[in-house]
Every structure is written in C-alpha cells, then in structure tokens.
Amino acid sequence: MEARIIVTLKNGVLDPQGKAIANALNSLDFKSIQSVRQGKVFDIVLDDMPSETAQQTLEEVCKKLLTNTVVENYTIKLL
C-alpha cells in the first residue's frame, strides 16, 4: 500500500522560502507568478492493511513526526 502526505503552512503563517522562490521567478521573467507557498511531500510505502488502519497510522505519523500542527496542515492520500 502506498500513500502520499502533503504538508503545507497554514494560511496566515509567513513563508519566507516561498517568498524567495517567487522573487527568484520574477527575476527570471516569470512575471505572471504572483506568489508561491512552499511545502513538503512524503511518499510512504506501508504493509498491506485495511484503508482505515492505514489512515489512522498515517494520522499518528503526521502528528508525531512529520508536521508541526501549530503552523502546518497536512493531507493524506492513499494511492
């Protein structure tokens, strides 16, 4: 079983890396880019298990290690 976890900063949290990327893109003449929000993607391979069990396991992984839930959101997609 495979899953993808996408971690992004919550709305309202400053994203200096995203701002730097947007500035760099503008300096490279990508003038239509207004803003960039940077995030992380984790592709995870799990043992075969029921989808509900996988979802619960990945929720725990996100809360305990992969995210700072104070400033980040995450989405889990079972593939």
PDB file of N, CA and C in Angstrom:
ATOM      1  N   MET A   1       0.848  -1.170   0.000  1.00  0.00           N
ATOM      2  CA  MET A   1       0.000   0.000   0.000  1.00  0.00           C
ATOM      3  C   MET A   1       0.893   1.233   0.000  1.00  0.00           C
ATOM      4  N   GLU A   2       0.477   2.240  -0.763  1.00  0.00           N
ATOM      5  CA  GLU A   2       1.242   3.476  -0.846  1.00  0.00           C
ATOM      6  C   GLU A   2       0.372   4.655  -0.442  1.00  0.00           C
ATOM      7  N   ALA A   3       1.044   5.680   0.068  1.00  0.00           N
ATOM      8  CA  ALA A   3       0.339   6.896   0.470  1.00  0.00           C
ATOM      9  C   ALA A   3       1.208   8.098   0.164  1.00  0.00           C
ATOM     10  N   ARG A   4       0.551   9.214  -0.010  1.00  0.00           N
ATOM     11  CA  ARG A   4       1.251  10.494  -0.188  1.00  0.00           C
ATOM     12  C   ARG A   4       0.722  11.461   0.856  1.00  0.00           C
ATOM     13  N   ILE A   5       1.647  12.085   1.580  1.00  0.00           N
ATOM     14  CA  ILE A   5       1.300  13.096   2.578  1.00  0.00           C
ATOM     15  C   ILE A   5       1.839  14.429   2.077  1.00  0.00           C
ATOM     16  N   ILE A   6       0.955  15.419   2.018  1.00  0.00           N
ATOM     17  CA  ILE A   6       1.333  16.762   1.588  1.00  0.00           C
ATOM     18  C   ILE A   6       1.219  17.687   2.789  1.00  0.00           C
ATOM     19  N   VAL A   7       2.314  18.363   3.108  1.00  0.00           N
ATOM     20  CA  VAL A   7       2.372  19.259   4.267  1.00  0.00           C
ATOM     21  C   VAL A   7       2.553  20.685   3.753  1.00  0.00           C
ATOM     22  N   THR A   8       1.684  21.581   4.212  1.00  0.00           N
ATOM     23  CA  THR A   8       1.768  22.986   3.822  1.00  0.00           C
ATOM     24  C   THR A   8       1.630  23.861   5.053  1.00  0.00           C
ATOM     25  N   LEU A   9       2.126  25.070   4.934  1.00  0.00           N
ATOM     26  CA  LEU A   9       1.955  26.031   6.022  1.00  0.00           C
ATOM     27  C   LEU A   9       0.502  26.481   6.080  1.00  0.00           C
ATOM     28  N   LYS A  10       0.012  26.712   7.269  1.00  0.00           N
ATOM     29  CA  LYS A  10      -1.347  27.217   7.432  1.00  0.00           C
ATOM     30  C   LYS A  10      -1.438  28.625   6.858  1.00  0.00           C
ATOM     31  N   ASN A  11      -2.648  28.988   6.422  1.00  0.00           N
ATOM     32  CA  ASN A  11      -2.877  30.351   5.952  1.00  0.00           C
ATOM     33  C   ASN A  11      -2.536  31.322   7.067  1.00  0.00           C
ATOM     34  N   GLY A  12      -1.889  32.408   6.710  1.00  0.00           N
ATOM     35  CA  GLY A  12      -1.510  33.409   7.699  1.00  0.00           C
ATOM     36  C   GLY A  12      -0.119  33.215   8.266  1.00  0.00           C
ATOM     37  N   VAL A  13       0.477  32.034   8.063  1.00  0.00           N
ATOM     38  CA  VAL A  13       1.845  31.783   8.533  1.00  0.00           C
ATOM     39  C   VAL A  13       2.803  32.284   7.455  1.00  0.00           C
ATOM     40  N   LEU A  14       3.743  33.110   7.845  1.00  0.00           N
ATOM     41  CA  LEU A  14       4.711  33.644   6.888  1.00  0.00           C
ATOM     42  C   LEU A  14       5.531  32.520   6.267  1.00  0.00           C
ATOM     43  N   ASP A  15       5.808  32.648   4.978  1.00  0.00           N
ATOM     44  CA  ASP A  15       6.552  31.638   4.233  1.00  0.00           C
ATOM     45  C   ASP A  15       7.743  32.300   3.534  1.00  0.00           C
ATOM     46  N   PRO A  16       8.842  32.529   4.260  1.00  0.00           N
ATOM     47  CA  PRO A  16       9.986  33.220   3.650  1.00  0.00           C
ATOM     48  C   PRO A  16      10.593  32.458   2.475  1.00  0.00           C
ATOM     49  N   GLN A  17      10.577  31.141   2.529  1.00  0.00           N
ATOM     50  CA  GLN A  17      11.137  30.372   1.411  1.00  0.00           C
ATOM     51  C   GLN A  17      10.254  30.523   0.169  1.00  0.00           C
ATOM     52  N   GLY A  18       8.949  30.483   0.353  1.00  0.00           N
ATOM     53  CA  GLY A  18       8.036  30.701  -0.765  1.00  0.00           C
ATOM     54  C   GLY A  18       8.206  32.083  -1.365  1.00  0.00           C
ATOM     55  N   LYS A  19       8.377  33.081  -0.504  1.00  0.00           N
ATOM     56  CA  LYS A  19       8.586  34.458  -0.977  1.00  0.00           C
ATOM     57  C   LYS A  19       9.884  34.561  -1.775  1.00  0.00           C
ATOM     58  N   ALA A  20      10.943  33.907  -1.297  1.00  0.00           N
ATOM     59  CA  ALA A  20      12.226  33.920  -2.013  1.00  0.00           C
ATOM     60  C   ALA A  20      12.093  33.249  -3.381  1.00  0.00           C
ATOM     61  N   ILE A  21      11.342  32.162  -3.449  1.00  0.00           N
ATOM     62  CA  ILE A  21      11.126  31.478  -4.728  1.00  0.00           C
ATOM     63  C   ILE A  21      10.353  32.385  -5.680  1.00  0.00           C
ATOM     64  N   ALA A  22       9.304  33.028  -5.177  1.00  0.00           N
ATOM     65  CA  ALA A  22       8.510  33.940  -6.010  1.00  0.00           C
ATOM     66  C   ALA A  22       9.376  35.082  -6.533  1.00  0.00           C
ATOM     67  N   ASN A  23      10.218  35.642  -5.679  1.00  0.00           N
ATOM     68  CA  ASN A  23      11.117  36.720  -6.111  1.00  0.00           C
ATOM     69  C   ASN A  23      12.093  36.233  -7.181  1.00  0.00           C
ATOM     70  N   ALA A  24      12.630  35.031  -6.989  1.00  0.00           N
ATOM     71  CA  ALA A  24      13.562  34.475  -7.971  1.00  0.00           C
ATOM     72  C   ALA A  24      12.860  34.237  -9.309  1.00  0.00           C
ATOM     73  N   LEU A  25      11.639  33.727  -9.265  1.00  0.00           N
ATOM     74  CA  LEU A  25      10.890  33.509 -10.503  1.00  0.00           C
ATOM     75  C   LEU A  25      10.622  34.821 -11.229  1.00  0.00           C
ATOM     76  N   ASN A  26      10.264  35.847 -10.468  1.00  0.00           N
ATOM     77  CA  ASN A  26      10.042  37.160 -11.084  1.00  0.00           C
ATOM     78  C   ASN A  26      11.322  37.695 -11.718  1.00  0.00           C
ATOM     79  N   SER A  27      12.455  37.485 -11.054  1.00  0.00           N
ATOM     80  CA  SER A  27      13.725  37.962 -11.618  1.00  0.00           C
ATOM     81  C   SER A  27      14.118  37.174 -12.866  1.00  0.00           C
ATOM     82  N   LEU A  28      13.550  35.976 -13.027  1.00  0.00           N
ATOM     83  CA  LEU A  28      13.787  35.173 -14.232  1.00  0.00           C
ATOM     84  C   LEU A  28      12.727  35.440 -15.304  1.00  0.00           C
ATOM     85  N   ASP A  29      11.994  36.541 -15.133  1.00  0.00           N
ATOM     86  CA  ASP A  29      10.977  36.998 -16.088  1.00  0.00           C
ATOM     87  C   ASP A  29       9.704  36.155 -16.101  1.00  0.00           C
ATOM     88  N   PHE A  30       9.425  35.442 -15.027  1.00  0.00           N
ATOM     89  CA  PHE A  30       8.121  34.803 -14.868  1.00  0.00           C
ATOM     90  C   PHE A  30       7.218  35.790 -14.141  1.00  0.00           C
ATOM     91  N   LYS A  31       6.835  36.839 -14.846  1.00  0.00           N
ATOM     92  CA  LYS A  31       6.120  37.961 -14.222  1.00  0.00           C
ATOM     93  C   LYS A  31       4.683  37.613 -13.841  1.00  0.00           C
ATOM     94  N   SER A  32       4.134  36.548 -14.402  1.00  0.00           N
ATOM     95  CA  SER A  32       2.749  36.188 -14.084  1.00  0.00           C
ATOM     96  C   SER A  32       2.628  35.471 -12.736  1.00  0.00           C
ATOM     97  N   ILE A  33       3.740  35.060 -12.131  1.00  0.00           N
ATOM     98  CA  ILE A  33       3.726  34.396 -10.824  1.00  0.00           C
ATOM     99  C   ILE A  33       3.540  35.465  -9.753  1.00  0.00           C
ATOM    100  N   GLN A  34       2.423  35.397  -9.038  1.00  0.00           N
ATOM    101  CA  GLN A  34       2.137  36.389  -8.003  1.00  0.00           C
ATOM    102  C   GLN A  34       2.680  35.978  -6.644  1.00  0.00           C
ATOM    103  N   SER A  35       2.543  34.688  -6.304  1.00  0.00           N
ATOM    104  CA  SER A  35       3.045  34.226  -5.008  1.00  0.00           C
ATOM    105  C   SER A  35       3.301  32.726  -5.066  1.00  0.00           C
ATOM    106  N   VAL A  36       4.110  32.251  -4.132  1.00  0.00           N
ATOM    107  CA  VAL A  36       4.451  30.834  -4.018  1.00  0.00           C
ATOM    108  C   VAL A  36       4.350  30.455  -2.553  1.00  0.00           C
ATOM    109  N   ARG A  37       3.748  29.302  -2.272  1.00  0.00           N
ATOM    110  CA  ARG A  37       3.738  28.724  -0.931  1.00  0.00           C
ATOM    111  C   ARG A  37       4.512  27.417  -1.021  1.00  0.00           C
ATOM    112  N   GLN A  38       5.518  27.260  -0.209  1.00  0.00           N
ATOM    113  CA  GLN A  38       6.385  26.092  -0.221  1.00  0.00           C
ATOM    114  C   GLN A  38       5.820  25.057   0.744  1.00  0.00           C
ATOM    115  N   GLY A  39       6.012  23.774   0.407  1.00  0.00           N
ATOM    116  CA  GLY A  39       5.556  22.699   1.283  1.00  0.00           C
ATOM    117  C   GLY A  39       6.455  21.478   1.143  1.00  0.00           C
ATOM    118  N   LYS A  40       5.976  20.365   1.690  1.00  0.00           N
ATOM    119  CA  LYS A  40       6.734  19.112   1.647  1.00  0.00           C
ATOM    120  C   LYS A  40       5.804  18.001   1.175  1.00  0.00           C
ATOM    121  N   VAL A  41       6.373  17.020   0.476  1.00  0.00           N
ATOM    122  CA  VAL A  41       5.625  15.841   0.045  1.00  0.00           C
ATOM    123  C   VAL A  41       6.375  14.611   0.536  1.00  0.00           C
ATOM    124  N   PHE A  42       5.633  13.693   1.148  1.00  0.00           N
ATOM    125  CA  PHE A  42       6.201  12.432   1.612  1.00  0.00           C
ATOM    126  C   PHE A  42       5.471  11.297   0.907  1.00  0.00           C
ATOM    127  N   ASP A  43       6.194  10.446   0.188  1.00  0.00           N
ATOM    128  CA  ASP A  43       5.633   9.229  -0.391  1.00  0.00           C
ATOM    129  C   ASP A  43       6.040   8.080   0.517  1.00  0.00           C
ATOM    130  N   ILE A  44       5.042   7.368   1.003  1.00  0.00           N
ATOM    131  CA  ILE A  44       5.270   6.336   2.015  1.00  0.00           C
ATOM    132  C   ILE A  44       4.720   5.007   1.514  1.00  0.00           C
ATOM    133  N   VAL A  45       5.482   3.941   1.719  1.00  0.00           N
ATOM    134  CA  VAL A  45       5.033   2.590   1.407  1.00  0.00           C
ATOM    135  C   VAL A  45       4.762   1.884   2.727  1.00  0.00           C
ATOM    136  N   LEU A  46       3.549   1.340   2.847  1.00  0.00           N
ATOM    137  CA  LEU A  46       3.136   0.645   4.068  1.00  0.00           C
ATOM    138  C   LEU A  46       2.885  -0.827   3.762  1.00  0.00           C
ATOM    139  N   ASP A  47       2.866  -1.633   4.809  1.00  0.00           N
ATOM    140  CA  ASP A  47       2.402  -3.006   4.668  1.00  0.00           C
ATOM    141  C   ASP A  47       0.941  -2.976   4.238  1.00  0.00           C
ATOM    142  N   ASP A  48       0.489  -4.043   3.572  1.00  0.00           N
ATOM    143  CA  ASP A  48      -0.929  -4.124   3.217  1.00  0.00           C
ATOM    144  C   ASP A  48      -1.762  -4.172   4.490  1.00  0.00           C
ATOM    145  N   MET A  49      -2.803  -3.347   4.524  1.00  0.00           N
ATOM    146  CA  MET A  49      -3.694  -3.263   5.681  1.00  0.00           C
ATOM    147  C   MET A  49      -4.980  -2.608   5.221  1.00  0.00           C
ATOM    148  N   PRO A  50      -6.029  -2.699   6.018  1.00  0.00           N
ATOM    149  CA  PRO A  50      -7.264  -2.000   5.653  1.00  0.00           C
ATOM    150  C   PRO A  50      -7.023  -0.489   5.550  1.00  0.00           C
ATOM    151  N   SER A  51      -7.744   0.161   4.659  1.00  0.00           N
ATOM    152  CA  SER A  51      -7.577   1.603   4.442  1.00  0.00           C
ATOM    153  C   SER A  51      -7.756   2.403   5.718  1.00  0.00           C
ATOM    154  N   GLU A  52      -8.727   2.011   6.545  1.00  0.00           N
ATOM    155  CA  GLU A  52      -8.983   2.744   7.787  1.00  0.00           C
ATOM    156  C   GLU A  52      -7.781   2.666   8.724  1.00  0.00           C
ATOM    157  N   THR A  53      -7.155   1.504   8.791  1.00  0.00           N
ATOM    158  CA  THR A  53      -5.976   1.324   9.638  1.00  0.00           C
ATOM    159  C   THR A  53      -4.809   2.150   9.108  1.00  0.00           C
ATOM    160  N   ALA A  54      -4.630   2.144   7.798  1.00  0.00           N
ATOM    161  CA  ALA A  54      -3.558   2.939   7.194  1.00  0.00           C
ATOM    162  C   ALA A  54      -3.772   4.418   7.472  1.00  0.00           C
ATOM    163  N   GLN A  55      -5.001   4.885   7.322  1.00  0.00           N
ATOM    164  CA  GLN A  55      -5.312   6.294   7.571  1.00  0.00           C
ATOM    165  C   GLN A  55      -4.985   6.666   9.019  1.00  0.00           C
ATOM    166  N   GLN A  56      -5.380   5.816   9.963  1.00  0.00           N
ATOM    167  CA  GLN A  56      -5.105   6.080  11.382  1.00  0.00           C
ATOM    168  C   GLN A  56      -3.603   6.090  11.656  1.00  0.00           C
ATOM    169  N   THR A  57      -2.891   5.143  11.083  1.00  0.00           N
ATOM    170  CA  THR A  57      -1.439   5.074  11.267  1.00  0.00           C
ATOM    171  C   THR A  57      -0.768   6.335  10.736  1.00  0.00           C
ATOM    172  N   LEU A  58      -1.172   6.761   9.551  1.00  0.00           N
ATOM    173  CA  LEU A  58      -0.558   7.939   8.938  1.00  0.00           C
ATOM    174  C   LEU A  58      -0.924   9.224   9.672  1.00  0.00           C
ATOM    175  N   GLU A  59      -2.133   9.299  10.214  1.00  0.00           N
ATOM    176  CA  GLU A  59      -2.512  10.452  11.046  1.00  0.00           C
ATOM    177  C   GLU A  59      -1.551  10.567  12.232  1.00  0.00           C
ATOM    178  N   GLU A  60      -1.274   9.433  12.854  1.00  0.00           N
ATOM    179  CA  GLU A  60      -0.366   9.416  14.003  1.00  0.00           C
ATOM    180  C   GLU A  60       1.056   9.806  13.590  1.00  0.00           C
ATOM    181  N   VAL A  61       1.506   9.301  12.446  1.00  0.00           N
ATOM    182  CA  VAL A  61       2.832   9.648  11.924  1.00  0.00           C
ATOM    183  C   VAL A  61       2.937  11.156  11.701  1.00  0.00           C
ATOM    184  N   CYS A  62       1.893  11.735  11.113  1.00  0.00           N
ATOM    185  CA  CYS A  62       1.896  13.184  10.852  1.00  0.00           C
ATOM    186  C   CYS A  62       1.966  13.973  12.148  1.00  0.00           C
ATOM    187  N   LYS A  63       1.146  13.601  13.101  1.00  0.00           N
ATOM    188  CA  LYS A  63       1.078  14.357  14.355  1.00  0.00           C
ATOM    189  C   LYS A  63       2.337  14.197  15.200  1.00  0.00           C
ATOM    190  N   LYS A  64       2.967  13.006  15.139  1.00  0.00           N
ATOM    191  CA  LYS A  64       4.126  12.754  15.997  1.00  0.00           C
ATOM    192  C   LYS A  64       5.459  13.151  15.371  1.00  0.00           C
ATOM    193  N   LEU A  65       5.541  13.196  14.030  1.00  0.00           N
ATOM    194  CA  LEU A  65       6.855  13.413  13.426  1.00  0.00           C
ATOM    195  C   LEU A  65       6.870  14.359  12.228  1.00  0.00           C
ATOM    196  N   LEU A  66       5.986  14.169  11.284  1.00  0.00           N
ATOM    197  CA  LEU A  66       6.133  14.854  10.003  1.00  0.00           C
ATOM    198  C   LEU A  66       5.673  16.301   9.988  1.00  0.00           C
ATOM    199  N   THR A  67       4.830  16.695  10.934  1.00  0.00           N
ATOM    200  CA  THR A  67       4.296  18.059  10.894  1.00  0.00           C
ATOM    201  C   THR A  67       4.399  18.746  12.246  1.00  0.00           C
ATOM    202  N   ASN A  68       4.390  20.050  12.182  1.00  0.00           N
ATOM    203  CA  ASN A  68       4.204  20.888  13.364  1.00  0.00           C
ATOM    204  C   ASN A  68       2.784  21.420  13.235  1.00  0.00           C
ATOM    205  N   THR A  69       1.848  20.798  13.929  1.00  0.00           N
ATOM    206  CA  THR A  69       0.432  21.111  13.731  1.00  0.00           C
ATOM    207  C   THR A  69       0.056  22.519  14.175  1.00  0.00           C
ATOM    208  N   VAL A  70       0.956  23.215  14.830  1.00  0.00           N
ATOM    209  CA  VAL A  70       0.689  24.608  15.199  1.00  0.00           C
ATOM    210  C   VAL A  70       0.728  25.491  13.952  1.00  0.00           C
ATOM    211  N   VAL A  71       1.651  25.213  13.033  1.00  0.00           N
ATOM    212  CA  VAL A  71       1.821  26.080  11.862  1.00  0.00           C
ATOM    213  C   VAL A  71       1.622  25.363  10.527  1.00  0.00           C
ATOM    214  N   GLU A  72       1.407  24.043  10.541  1.00  0.00           N
ATOM    215  CA  GLU A  72       1.283  23.299   9.290  1.00  0.00           C
ATOM    216  C   GLU A  72      -0.016  22.503   9.228  1.00  0.00           C
ATOM    217  N   ASN A  73      -0.538  22.373   8.008  1.00  0.00           N
ATOM    218  CA  ASN A  73      -1.644  21.476   7.695  1.00  0.00           C
ATOM    219  C   ASN A  73      -1.085  20.295   6.919  1.00  0.00           C
ATOM    220  N   TYR A  74      -1.828  19.201   6.898  1.00  0.00           N
ATOM    221  CA  TYR A  74      -1.409  18.063   6.091  1.00  0.00           C
ATOM    222  C   TYR A  74      -2.627  17.379   5.488  1.00  0.00           C
ATOM    223  N   THR A  75      -2.397  16.746   4.346  1.00  0.00           N
ATOM    224  CA  THR A  75      -3.417  15.905   3.736  1.00  0.00           C
ATOM    225  C   THR A  75      -2.792  14.548   3.460  1.00  0.00           C
ATOM    226  N   ILE A  76      -3.593  13.526   3.629  1.00  0.00           N
ATOM    227  CA  ILE A  76      -3.150  12.152   3.409  1.00  0.00           C
ATOM    228  C   ILE A  76      -3.962  11.583   2.254  1.00  0.00           C
ATOM    229  N   LYS A  77      -3.264  11.034   1.269  1.00  0.00           N
ATOM    230  CA  LYS A  77      -3.933  10.385   0.146  1.00  0.00           C
ATOM    231  C   LYS A  77      -3.417   8.962   0.053  1.00  0.00           C
ATOM    232  N   LEU A  78      -4.316   8.007   0.150  1.00  0.00           N
ATOM    233  CA  LEU A  78      -3.936   6.617  -0.076  1.00  0.00           C
ATOM    234  C   LEU A  78      -3.944   6.386  -1.579  1.00  0.00           C
ATOM    235  N   LEU A  79      -2.864   5.828  -2.091  1.00  0.00           N
ATOM    236  CA  LEU A  79      -2.722   5.659  -3.548  1.00  0.00           C
ATOM    237  C   LEU A  79      -3.029   4.242  -3.980  1.00  0.00           C
TER     238      LEU A  79
END
